[in-house]
Amino acid sequence: MRYALWHKIKEALISVLPVVLIVLVLCCTPLVELTGKEIGVFIGSAVFLIIGIGLFNLGADIAMSPIGDQVGIGLIKANKPWLVFVLCFALGLLITIAEPDLTLLAQQVSGDNPQLLVYAVGIGVGIFLVIFVIKIFSNQNLSSMLLFFYMLMFALAALLLVTGKLDYLSMAFDSGGVTTGPITVPFLMAFGVGISATVGGKNSAENSFGAVALCSIGPILAVLMLGLFSDGKINLPESNYQIADNIFGAILHAVGNTSWGVFKALGMIVLFFLVMQFALLKLPKRKLVRIAVGIAYTFVGLVVFLAAVEVGFMPIGHKLGAQLANAPTWFVVVAFVIGMVVVLAEPAVHVLNKQVEEVTDRAISKKSMLLALSIGVGISIGLSAIRIVFDFSILYYLIPGYILSLGLSFFVPRIYTAIAFDSGGVASGPLTSSFILPFAIGACSVIGGQDSILQNAFGVVAMVAMTPLITIQLLGFRAVVSQNVRNKIAQHRIISADDEQIINFM
């Protein structure tokens, strides 16, 4: 266990170090000026961020993924479709309500009834988790389902535009990205693998993916509908992005807040698992002990990760955005570079890459996945920075982007489509919500003022969730083209072979 933990911490160090180096290099330029205290807090937070990611990734391997896998298998073995659907809806609702990522977003916006947003998102995830299970049972094409639901999504978005309720537009698309956070993703991905393996069939590998993709749509539809039936106004709270005077007190406060949020999130999953254990699974004591240890690692890792983000990364992200906004060209360039490296520090990305390697039998490597995700997220943050500078609607990106990604889905192997749409939800994790979003808010407050934040800063999470859909499917398209070229070369060699060299043994 010690070796495994040390290996995970080394992986986390490699992931977080580029972000830290970029910030430190910027401090040596006229573009950014941070105090010694701010730099010290940021470096200290980075150290705890590395420890948190390492602990979380180990916990996800030995607890969260096995729980999701076993729950998926147990539900299918129950052989009662109505019970499966009811339990899936309840599971999606519960884990979403307690998801720390959603809490991070909710802390940065407030309406007349903030909890209404959380419950609407939870209901959306619950419904689409049921739809995912129906997809596996009926062996439906994921591309066709995504095309239908995205058309419905943009129809509702058009209604918001017509009615002038623009405040909810970016918020709705962001909610789809933050819902699939560090706790939800490992569970949902393993859940899909467990159900798909139990149901079987020739499309078992493809059916293993798609849960995150579909469950990212539910929150968007739910919040769009919420916007249609509301007065259309969201009031931003006065957020404090300053480094606290009392660092020790700020750390204790952050640990207390995040501990309760993570405890609720993990508690929902553990409670559901225990019910399944006594009713259906009957796992041996040895496996239960291992899962319990993994849950402890997951809890400590997430608390350390989220507390470090709150204390050091949110304030620095906001200040970087505010200062770089005075040099718009450099703001766009830095946004692109930060986007490329920040995805490496998202805990759930490593869970996805491991799952992809296992399911595809290393046909899709972790290296190619990371490269595709890194380029995709870099482009998305860069494009978001351009939108902040020139002040235009996010739909100018989302509509052509989703048309392209959905169009590609009909030309690449179905497993690439499933992986790509899952990757979009995974890439937009807690670091995006707590570093990139404050970065965008800081820039908006300087360039467009407080009134531009809701329409221009929010939406950056949605962009992070969209661009991997294109880059990873392009990876699949390249694989298809390469295979066709190899087949043609082999066929040409056979046709052009010298018949005199053929030895007849008859």
Protein backbone atom coordinates (compact mmCIF):
# COMPACT_ATOMS: atom_id res chain seq x y z
CA MET A 1 0.00 0.00 0.00
CA ARG A 2 2.86 2.39 0.79
CA TYR A 3 4.44 1.79 -2.61
CA ALA A 4 1.11 2.37 -4.35
CA LEU A 5 0.59 5.63 -2.40
CA TRP A 6 4.10 6.86 -3.21
CA HIS A 7 3.50 6.07 -6.90
CA LYS A 8 0.23 8.05 -6.86
CA ILE A 9 1.90 11.03 -5.17
CA LYS A 10 4.66 11.03 -7.79
CA GLU A 11 2.00 11.06 -10.52
CA ALA A 12 0.26 13.95 -8.76
CA LEU A 13 3.58 15.86 -8.48
CA ILE A 14 4.12 15.55 -12.24
CA SER A 15 0.53 16.74 -12.82
CA VAL A 16 0.54 19.80 -10.53
CA LEU A 17 4.13 20.99 -11.06
CA PRO A 18 3.47 22.59 -14.51
CA VAL A 19 0.68 24.77 -13.05
CA VAL A 20 2.95 25.95 -10.23
CA LEU A 21 5.85 26.66 -12.60
CA ILE A 22 3.63 28.72 -14.92
CA VAL A 23 2.43 30.88 -12.01
CA LEU A 24 6.00 31.34 -10.70
CA VAL A 25 7.30 32.25 -14.17
CA LEU A 26 4.51 34.83 -14.56
CA CYS A 27 5.55 36.36 -11.24
CA CYS A 28 8.95 37.09 -12.79
CA THR A 29 7.36 39.15 -15.58
CA PRO A 30 5.78 42.63 -15.52
CA LEU A 31 2.40 41.03 -16.26
CA VAL A 32 1.76 39.62 -12.77
CA GLU A 33 2.77 40.90 -9.36
CA LEU A 34 2.19 38.68 -6.31
CA THR A 35 3.33 39.36 -2.77
CA GLY A 36 5.71 37.03 -0.95
CA LYS A 37 2.84 35.88 1.25
CA GLU A 38 0.66 35.05 -1.75
CA ILE A 39 3.46 33.06 -3.40
CA GLY A 40 4.15 31.20 -0.15
CA VAL A 41 0.47 30.29 0.36
CA PHE A 42 0.19 29.19 -3.28
CA ILE A 43 3.24 26.90 -3.05
CA GLY A 44 2.04 25.48 0.27
CA SER A 45 -1.40 24.85 -1.22
CA ALA A 46 0.24 23.11 -4.19
CA VAL A 47 2.06 20.73 -1.83
CA PHE A 48 -1.19 19.78 -0.11
CA LEU A 49 -2.90 19.57 -3.51
CA ILE A 50 -0.36 16.93 -4.56
CA ILE A 51 -0.90 14.93 -1.37
CA GLY A 52 -4.67 15.19 -1.77
CA ILE A 53 -4.65 14.02 -5.40
CA GLY A 54 -2.37 11.09 -4.51
CA LEU A 55 -4.59 9.95 -1.64
CA PHE A 56 -7.76 10.40 -3.71
CA ASN A 57 -6.44 8.43 -6.70
CA LEU A 58 -5.39 5.55 -4.45
CA GLY A 59 -8.77 5.59 -2.72
CA ALA A 60 -10.59 5.63 -6.07
CA ASP A 61 -8.63 2.57 -7.20
CA ILE A 62 -9.29 0.44 -4.12
CA ALA A 63 -12.75 1.68 -3.10
CA MET A 64 -14.78 3.94 -5.38
CA SER A 65 -14.31 1.96 -8.60
CA PRO A 66 -14.96 -1.45 -6.94
CA ILE A 67 -18.10 -0.06 -5.26
CA GLY A 68 -19.46 1.25 -8.55
CA ASP A 69 -18.60 -2.00 -10.31
CA GLN A 70 -20.26 -4.19 -7.67
CA VAL A 71 -23.37 -2.00 -7.44
CA GLY A 72 -23.78 -2.17 -11.22
CA ILE A 73 -23.46 -5.95 -11.19
CA GLY A 74 -25.79 -6.30 -8.20
CA LEU A 75 -28.54 -4.20 -9.76
CA ILE A 76 -28.58 -6.32 -12.93
CA LYS A 77 -28.58 -9.56 -10.93
CA ALA A 78 -31.69 -8.35 -9.09
CA ASN A 79 -33.52 -9.08 -12.37
CA LYS A 80 -36.27 -6.56 -11.60
CA PRO A 81 -36.17 -3.69 -14.13
CA TRP A 82 -38.51 -1.43 -12.13
CA LEU A 83 -36.30 -1.80 -9.04
CA VAL A 84 -33.19 -1.09 -11.11
CA PHE A 85 -34.72 2.13 -12.47
CA VAL A 86 -35.94 3.35 -9.07
CA LEU A 87 -32.59 2.67 -7.41
CA CYS A 88 -30.64 4.28 -10.28
CA PHE A 89 -32.74 7.45 -10.03
CA ALA A 90 -32.26 7.59 -6.26
CA LEU A 91 -28.53 6.98 -6.62
CA GLY A 92 -28.09 9.72 -9.22
CA LEU A 93 -30.09 12.20 -7.13
CA LEU A 94 -28.26 11.49 -3.86
CA ILE A 95 -24.67 11.54 -5.09
CA THR A 96 -25.30 14.70 -7.13
CA ILE A 97 -26.85 16.66 -4.26
CA ALA A 98 -23.74 15.95 -2.20
CA GLU A 99 -21.15 16.40 -4.99
CA PRO A 100 -18.44 18.87 -3.83
CA ASP A 101 -18.04 20.27 -7.37
CA LEU A 102 -21.68 21.35 -7.44
CA THR A 103 -21.23 22.92 -4.01
CA LEU A 104 -18.25 24.93 -5.31
CA LEU A 105 -20.37 26.32 -8.14
CA ALA A 106 -23.33 27.03 -5.83
CA GLN A 107 -21.04 29.02 -3.51
CA GLN A 108 -20.20 31.40 -6.36
CA VAL A 109 -23.81 32.10 -7.41
CA SER A 110 -26.99 32.67 -5.45
CA GLY A 111 -30.58 33.16 -6.48
CA ASP A 112 -33.80 33.43 -4.52
CA ASN A 113 -33.53 29.76 -3.57
CA PRO A 114 -29.98 28.36 -4.04
CA GLN A 115 -31.02 24.82 -3.01
CA LEU A 116 -33.52 24.75 -5.86
CA LEU A 117 -30.58 24.73 -8.31
CA VAL A 118 -28.94 21.81 -6.48
CA TYR A 119 -32.10 19.69 -6.40
CA ALA A 120 -32.92 20.46 -10.05
CA VAL A 121 -29.45 19.27 -11.07
CA GLY A 122 -29.82 16.13 -8.91
CA ILE A 123 -33.14 15.21 -10.52
CA GLY A 124 -31.59 15.71 -13.95
CA VAL A 125 -28.72 13.34 -13.16
CA GLY A 126 -31.09 10.74 -11.66
CA ILE A 127 -33.29 10.72 -14.78
CA PHE A 128 -30.36 10.40 -17.16
CA LEU A 129 -28.72 7.64 -15.13
CA VAL A 130 -31.94 5.67 -15.70
CA ILE A 131 -31.72 6.53 -19.41
CA PHE A 132 -28.14 5.21 -19.46
CA VAL A 133 -29.25 1.87 -18.02
CA ILE A 134 -32.10 1.69 -20.56
CA LYS A 135 -29.52 2.34 -23.30
CA ILE A 136 -27.47 -0.67 -22.19
CA PHE A 137 -30.52 -2.94 -21.94
CA SER A 138 -31.80 -1.93 -25.38
CA ASN A 139 -28.31 -1.58 -26.96
CA GLN A 140 -29.14 1.84 -28.38
CA ASN A 141 -26.60 3.89 -30.34
CA LEU A 142 -25.15 6.57 -28.05
CA SER A 143 -24.60 8.98 -30.96
CA SER A 144 -28.30 9.00 -31.87
CA MET A 145 -29.33 9.54 -28.25
CA LEU A 146 -26.85 12.40 -27.82
CA LEU A 147 -28.04 14.02 -31.05
CA PHE A 148 -31.65 13.98 -29.84
CA PHE A 149 -30.93 15.36 -26.36
CA TYR A 150 -28.54 18.06 -27.60
CA MET A 151 -31.18 19.23 -30.11
CA LEU A 152 -33.63 19.45 -27.19
CA MET A 153 -31.00 21.30 -25.15
CA PHE A 154 -30.43 23.97 -27.80
CA ALA A 155 -34.17 24.33 -28.36
CA LEU A 156 -34.56 25.25 -24.68
CA ALA A 157 -31.52 27.55 -24.92
CA ALA A 158 -33.20 29.33 -27.84
CA LEU A 159 -36.31 29.84 -25.70
CA LEU A 160 -34.15 31.47 -23.01
CA LEU A 161 -32.66 33.79 -25.62
CA VAL A 162 -36.09 34.75 -26.93
CA THR A 163 -37.41 35.46 -23.43
CA GLY A 164 -34.27 37.43 -22.53
CA LYS A 165 -33.35 35.23 -19.55
CA LEU A 166 -29.64 35.19 -20.35
CA ASP A 167 -28.36 34.84 -16.77
CA TYR A 168 -29.28 31.15 -16.70
CA LEU A 169 -27.73 30.32 -20.08
CA SER A 170 -24.03 30.01 -19.18
CA MET A 171 -24.98 28.72 -15.73
CA ALA A 172 -26.94 25.83 -17.26
CA PHE A 173 -24.05 24.64 -19.44
CA ASP A 174 -21.58 25.01 -16.56
CA SER A 175 -23.80 22.88 -14.31
CA GLY A 176 -23.41 19.94 -16.68
CA GLY A 177 -19.63 20.10 -16.30
CA VAL A 178 -19.39 20.49 -12.53
CA THR A 179 -21.94 17.76 -11.74
CA THR A 180 -19.62 14.98 -12.87
CA GLY A 181 -17.00 15.67 -10.22
CA PRO A 182 -14.27 13.73 -8.39
CA ILE A 183 -16.68 11.50 -6.44
CA THR A 184 -19.31 10.98 -9.12
CA VAL A 185 -16.96 10.12 -12.00
CA PRO A 186 -15.12 7.08 -10.55
CA PHE A 187 -18.42 5.67 -9.31
CA LEU A 188 -20.36 6.25 -12.55
CA MET A 189 -17.60 4.89 -14.78
CA ALA A 190 -17.20 1.72 -12.72
CA PHE A 191 -21.00 1.46 -12.51
CA GLY A 192 -21.19 1.48 -16.31
CA VAL A 193 -18.45 -1.16 -16.62
CA GLY A 194 -20.21 -3.40 -14.07
CA ILE A 195 -23.61 -3.22 -15.77
CA SER A 196 -22.16 -3.61 -19.27
CA ALA A 197 -20.03 -6.62 -18.30
CA THR A 198 -23.03 -8.32 -16.67
CA VAL A 199 -25.40 -7.68 -19.58
CA GLY A 200 -22.68 -8.67 -22.06
CA GLY A 201 -23.09 -8.61 -25.83
CA LYS A 202 -20.77 -7.64 -28.67
CA ASN A 203 -20.96 -3.93 -27.73
CA SER A 204 -19.97 -4.50 -24.12
CA ALA A 205 -16.82 -2.35 -24.35
CA GLU A 206 -18.67 0.59 -25.91
CA ASN A 207 -21.54 0.31 -23.40
CA SER A 208 -19.03 0.63 -20.55
CA PHE A 209 -18.79 4.34 -21.37
CA GLY A 210 -21.52 6.93 -21.76
CA ALA A 211 -22.80 7.27 -18.18
CA VAL A 212 -20.87 10.49 -17.55
CA ALA A 213 -21.84 11.82 -21.00
CA LEU A 214 -25.56 11.30 -20.47
CA CYS A 215 -25.52 12.41 -16.83
CA SER A 216 -23.90 15.69 -17.93
CA ILE A 217 -26.93 16.46 -20.12
CA GLY A 218 -29.54 16.12 -17.36
CA PRO A 219 -28.32 19.10 -15.30
CA ILE A 220 -28.17 21.36 -18.38
CA LEU A 221 -31.77 20.56 -19.34
CA ALA A 222 -32.92 20.92 -15.72
CA VAL A 223 -31.31 24.35 -15.22
CA LEU A 224 -32.53 25.59 -18.61
CA MET A 225 -36.08 24.64 -17.61
CA LEU A 226 -35.53 26.25 -14.21
CA GLY A 227 -34.55 29.45 -16.00
CA LEU A 228 -37.66 29.36 -18.19
CA PHE A 229 -39.95 29.26 -15.13
CA SER A 230 -38.02 31.84 -13.08
CA ASP A 231 -37.70 35.60 -13.36
CA GLY A 232 -34.42 35.02 -15.20
CA LYS A 233 -32.21 36.93 -12.74
CA ILE A 234 -29.32 35.55 -10.69
CA ASN A 235 -27.67 37.72 -8.06
CA LEU A 236 -23.95 37.16 -7.63
CA PRO A 237 -22.77 37.14 -4.01
CA GLU A 238 -19.88 39.29 -2.91
CA SER A 239 -17.12 36.68 -3.11
CA ASN A 240 -13.85 37.28 -1.28
CA TYR A 241 -10.88 36.10 -3.34
CA GLN A 242 -8.22 37.62 -1.08
CA ILE A 243 -5.58 35.59 0.74
CA ALA A 244 -6.75 35.45 4.36
CA ASP A 245 -4.83 37.43 6.99
CA ASN A 246 -4.97 34.46 9.35
CA ILE A 247 -3.80 31.55 7.17
CA PHE A 248 -4.09 28.98 9.95
CA GLY A 249 -7.68 30.03 10.67
CA ALA A 250 -8.51 29.96 6.95
CA ILE A 251 -7.14 26.41 6.68
CA LEU A 252 -9.21 25.22 9.65
CA HIS A 253 -12.33 26.86 8.19
CA ALA A 254 -11.71 25.31 4.75
CA VAL A 255 -11.06 21.85 6.23
CA GLY A 256 -14.26 22.08 8.29
CA ASN A 257 -16.39 23.12 5.31
CA THR A 258 -14.97 20.58 2.89
CA SER A 259 -15.00 17.75 5.44
CA TRP A 260 -18.75 18.05 5.86
CA GLY A 261 -19.37 18.25 2.11
CA VAL A 262 -17.16 15.25 1.33
CA PHE A 263 -18.63 13.29 4.26
CA LYS A 264 -22.13 13.81 2.84
CA ALA A 265 -21.05 12.81 -0.66
CA LEU A 266 -19.22 9.67 0.42
CA GLY A 267 -21.89 8.87 3.00
CA MET A 268 -24.58 8.72 0.30
CA ILE A 269 -22.55 6.24 -1.74
CA VAL A 270 -21.51 4.15 1.27
CA LEU A 271 -25.09 3.97 2.55
CA PHE A 272 -26.34 2.87 -0.85
CA PHE A 273 -23.54 0.29 -1.08
CA LEU A 274 -24.31 -1.12 2.38
CA VAL A 275 -27.97 -1.59 1.45
CA MET A 276 -26.87 -3.41 -1.71
CA GLN A 277 -24.37 -5.45 0.30
CA PHE A 278 -26.94 -6.79 2.75
CA ALA A 279 -29.66 -7.26 0.13
CA LEU A 280 -27.77 -8.60 -2.91
CA LEU A 281 -23.98 -8.49 -3.00
CA LYS A 282 -22.84 -10.47 0.07
CA LEU A 283 -19.16 -9.59 -0.48
CA PRO A 284 -16.60 -11.29 1.80
CA LYS A 285 -15.26 -9.46 4.84
CA ARG A 286 -11.77 -9.12 3.31
CA LYS A 287 -13.11 -7.08 0.38
CA LEU A 288 -15.22 -4.93 2.70
CA VAL A 289 -12.18 -4.08 4.82
CA ARG A 290 -10.19 -3.10 1.72
CA ILE A 291 -13.07 -0.91 0.50
CA ALA A 292 -13.30 0.74 3.93
CA VAL A 293 -9.59 1.61 3.82
CA GLY A 294 -10.05 3.00 0.31
CA ILE A 295 -12.97 5.17 1.44
CA ALA A 296 -10.78 6.60 4.21
CA TYR A 297 -8.06 7.47 1.65
CA THR A 298 -10.68 9.03 -0.63
CA PHE A 299 -12.15 11.12 2.20
CA VAL A 300 -8.80 12.47 3.43
CA GLY A 301 -7.55 13.06 -0.12
CA LEU A 302 -10.59 15.06 -1.19
CA VAL A 303 -10.67 17.13 2.00
CA VAL A 304 -6.98 18.04 1.62
CA PHE A 305 -7.43 18.73 -2.12
CA LEU A 306 -10.51 20.96 -1.78
CA ALA A 307 -9.15 22.83 1.26
CA ALA A 308 -5.88 23.59 -0.56
CA VAL A 309 -7.83 24.81 -3.57
CA GLU A 310 -10.02 27.10 -1.44
CA VAL A 311 -7.16 28.60 0.57
CA GLY A 312 -4.54 29.11 -2.15
CA PHE A 313 -5.71 28.40 -5.68
CA MET A 314 -8.98 30.37 -5.83
CA PRO A 315 -7.42 33.70 -4.68
CA ILE A 316 -4.37 33.31 -6.94
CA GLY A 317 -6.52 32.32 -9.92
CA HIS A 318 -8.68 35.44 -9.46
CA LYS A 319 -5.69 37.76 -9.09
CA LEU A 320 -3.93 36.28 -12.15
CA GLY A 321 -7.03 36.87 -14.27
CA ALA A 322 -7.48 40.44 -13.00
CA GLN A 323 -3.85 41.41 -13.66
CA LEU A 324 -3.50 39.66 -17.03
CA ALA A 325 -6.71 41.33 -18.24
CA ASN A 326 -4.71 44.57 -18.58
CA ALA A 327 -2.78 42.86 -21.42
CA PRO A 328 -5.51 41.07 -23.44
CA THR A 329 -3.14 39.30 -25.86
CA TRP A 330 -1.09 37.82 -23.06
CA PHE A 331 -4.30 37.00 -21.20
CA VAL A 332 -5.42 34.77 -24.10
CA VAL A 333 -1.99 33.14 -24.48
CA VAL A 334 -1.63 32.41 -20.76
CA ALA A 335 -5.20 31.10 -20.63
CA PHE A 336 -4.37 28.60 -23.38
CA VAL A 337 -1.17 27.42 -21.65
CA ILE A 338 -2.83 27.14 -18.22
CA GLY A 339 -5.69 25.19 -19.79
CA MET A 340 -3.25 22.69 -21.28
CA VAL A 341 -1.63 21.89 -17.95
CA VAL A 342 -4.48 22.36 -15.46
CA VAL A 343 -6.36 19.29 -16.77
CA LEU A 344 -3.39 17.14 -15.73
CA ALA A 345 -4.12 18.00 -12.09
CA GLU A 346 -7.81 16.96 -12.21
CA PRO A 347 -8.15 13.83 -10.02
CA ALA A 348 -10.89 12.17 -12.07
CA VAL A 349 -8.88 12.44 -15.33
CA HIS A 350 -6.48 9.78 -14.09
CA VAL A 351 -9.41 7.52 -13.20
CA LEU A 352 -10.78 7.93 -16.73
CA ASN A 353 -7.43 7.21 -18.40
CA LYS A 354 -6.92 4.06 -16.35
CA GLN A 355 -10.44 2.87 -17.18
CA VAL A 356 -9.93 3.55 -20.91
CA GLU A 357 -6.67 1.57 -21.00
CA GLU A 358 -8.28 -1.39 -19.27
CA VAL A 359 -11.49 -1.50 -21.32
CA THR A 360 -9.74 -0.99 -24.68
CA ASP A 361 -6.91 -3.43 -23.78
CA ARG A 362 -4.38 -0.58 -24.22
CA ALA A 363 -5.57 0.17 -27.77
CA ILE A 364 -6.04 3.73 -26.47
CA SER A 365 -3.06 4.65 -24.32
CA LYS A 366 -3.01 6.99 -21.31
CA LYS A 367 -0.45 9.15 -23.12
CA SER A 368 -2.67 9.73 -26.18
CA MET A 369 -5.69 10.39 -23.96
CA LEU A 370 -3.80 12.94 -21.85
CA LEU A 371 -2.46 14.68 -24.95
CA ALA A 372 -5.92 14.91 -26.53
CA LEU A 373 -7.47 16.18 -23.28
CA SER A 374 -4.65 18.68 -22.69
CA ILE A 375 -4.94 20.19 -26.18
CA GLY A 376 -8.73 20.26 -25.97
CA VAL A 377 -8.86 22.01 -22.60
CA GLY A 378 -6.12 24.45 -23.63
CA ILE A 379 -8.13 25.46 -26.69
CA SER A 380 -11.31 25.79 -24.62
CA ILE A 381 -9.75 28.14 -22.04
CA GLY A 382 -8.08 30.16 -24.80
CA LEU A 383 -11.40 30.56 -26.65
CA SER A 384 -13.11 31.51 -23.39
CA ALA A 385 -10.50 34.23 -22.86
CA ILE A 386 -11.22 35.59 -26.37
CA ARG A 387 -14.95 35.65 -25.52
CA ILE A 388 -14.26 37.64 -22.34
CA VAL A 389 -12.16 40.17 -24.29
CA PHE A 390 -14.65 40.67 -27.13
CA ASP A 391 -17.90 40.10 -25.14
CA PHE A 392 -20.13 37.74 -27.17
CA SER A 393 -22.50 34.88 -26.38
CA ILE A 394 -21.20 31.44 -25.52
CA LEU A 395 -23.63 29.96 -28.06
CA TYR A 396 -21.33 31.16 -30.86
CA TYR A 397 -18.95 28.46 -29.60
CA LEU A 398 -21.29 25.81 -28.27
CA ILE A 399 -23.61 25.42 -31.27
CA PRO A 400 -20.91 24.84 -33.95
CA GLY A 401 -18.80 22.90 -31.43
CA TYR A 402 -21.53 20.43 -30.60
CA ILE A 403 -22.58 20.17 -34.26
CA LEU A 404 -18.99 19.20 -35.14
CA SER A 405 -18.66 16.75 -32.23
CA LEU A 406 -22.01 15.10 -32.98
CA GLY A 407 -21.15 14.95 -36.69
CA LEU A 408 -17.83 13.23 -35.92
CA SER A 409 -19.69 10.63 -33.86
CA PHE A 410 -21.10 9.11 -37.07
CA PHE A 411 -17.63 8.65 -38.63
CA VAL A 412 -15.53 7.25 -35.77
CA PRO A 413 -15.79 3.94 -33.89
CA ARG A 414 -18.61 4.10 -31.35
CA ILE A 415 -16.27 3.46 -28.42
CA TYR A 416 -14.34 6.70 -29.23
CA THR A 417 -17.60 8.65 -29.15
CA ALA A 418 -18.54 7.19 -25.77
CA ILE A 419 -15.08 7.90 -24.34
CA ALA A 420 -15.02 11.43 -25.79
CA PHE A 421 -18.37 12.48 -24.32
CA ASP A 422 -17.39 10.98 -20.96
CA SER A 423 -14.09 12.89 -21.09
CA GLY A 424 -15.90 16.21 -21.41
CA GLY A 425 -17.55 15.76 -18.02
CA VAL A 426 -14.36 14.44 -16.44
CA ALA A 427 -12.09 17.28 -17.64
CA SER A 428 -14.27 19.94 -15.99
CA GLY A 429 -13.43 18.99 -12.40
CA PRO A 430 -12.90 20.88 -9.13
CA LEU A 431 -9.71 22.61 -10.26
CA THR A 432 -11.60 24.07 -13.22
CA SER A 433 -14.34 25.35 -10.90
CA SER A 434 -11.96 26.73 -8.31
CA PHE A 435 -8.97 27.99 -10.33
CA ILE A 436 -10.06 28.56 -13.94
CA LEU A 437 -13.48 30.02 -13.05
CA PRO A 438 -12.03 32.57 -10.57
CA PHE A 439 -9.37 33.31 -13.24
CA ALA A 440 -12.17 34.17 -15.68
CA ILE A 441 -14.13 36.11 -13.05
CA GLY A 442 -11.07 38.20 -12.23
CA ALA A 443 -10.56 39.06 -15.90
CA CYS A 444 -14.24 39.88 -16.41
CA SER A 445 -14.30 42.23 -13.43
CA VAL A 446 -11.54 44.29 -15.08
CA ILE A 447 -12.55 44.08 -18.75
CA GLY A 448 -16.35 44.18 -18.64
CA GLY A 449 -17.19 45.01 -15.04
CA GLN A 450 -19.30 43.09 -12.55
CA ASP A 451 -22.30 42.96 -14.89
CA SER A 452 -20.42 40.86 -17.47
CA ILE A 453 -19.44 38.06 -15.08
CA LEU A 454 -22.58 35.94 -15.34
CA GLN A 455 -22.63 35.94 -19.14
CA ASN A 456 -18.89 35.85 -19.91
CA ALA A 457 -17.00 34.30 -16.98
CA PHE A 458 -19.55 31.57 -16.42
CA GLY A 459 -19.52 29.25 -19.39
CA VAL A 460 -15.81 28.50 -19.14
CA VAL A 461 -16.62 25.15 -17.49
CA ALA A 462 -18.98 24.36 -20.37
CA MET A 463 -16.18 25.09 -22.85
CA VAL A 464 -13.83 22.78 -20.96
CA ALA A 465 -16.49 20.08 -21.16
CA MET A 466 -17.02 20.55 -24.91
CA THR A 467 -13.62 20.64 -26.63
CA PRO A 468 -12.43 17.16 -25.52
CA LEU A 469 -15.44 15.78 -27.41
CA ILE A 470 -13.84 17.01 -30.62
CA THR A 471 -10.16 16.28 -29.90
CA ILE A 472 -10.69 12.70 -28.69
CA GLN A 473 -13.00 11.87 -31.61
CA LEU A 474 -10.35 13.29 -33.93
CA LEU A 475 -8.01 10.82 -32.24
CA GLY A 476 -10.46 8.08 -33.21
CA PHE A 477 -10.81 9.48 -36.73
CA ARG A 478 -7.04 9.38 -37.11
CA ALA A 479 -7.03 5.75 -35.94
CA VAL A 480 -9.68 4.84 -38.55
CA VAL A 481 -7.78 6.60 -41.36
CA SER A 482 -4.48 4.95 -40.31
CA GLN A 483 -6.11 1.52 -40.28
CA ASN A 484 -7.61 2.08 -43.74
CA VAL A 485 -4.22 3.17 -45.08
CA ARG A 486 -2.55 0.06 -43.62
CA ASN A 487 -5.23 -2.17 -45.11
CA LYS A 488 -4.80 -0.61 -48.56
CA ILE A 489 -1.01 -0.99 -48.37
CA ALA A 490 -1.37 -4.64 -47.39
CA GLN A 491 -3.90 -5.23 -50.17
CA HIS A 492 -1.62 -3.54 -52.71
CA ARG A 493 1.30 -5.75 -51.67
CA ILE A 494 -0.81 -8.86 -52.12
CA ILE A 495 -2.06 -7.80 -55.56
CA SER A 496 1.38 -6.73 -56.79
CA ALA A 497 3.17 -9.82 -55.48
CA ASP A 498 5.34 -11.75 -58.00
CA ASP A 499 3.48 -14.97 -58.83
CA GLU A 500 6.76 -16.69 -59.79
CA GLN A 501 7.87 -16.48 -56.15
CA ILE A 502 4.90 -18.53 -55.05
CA ILE A 503 5.98 -22.09 -54.23
CA ASN A 504 3.50 -24.80 -55.09
CA PHE A 505 3.81 -27.74 -52.71
CA MET A 506 1.21 -29.84 -54.51
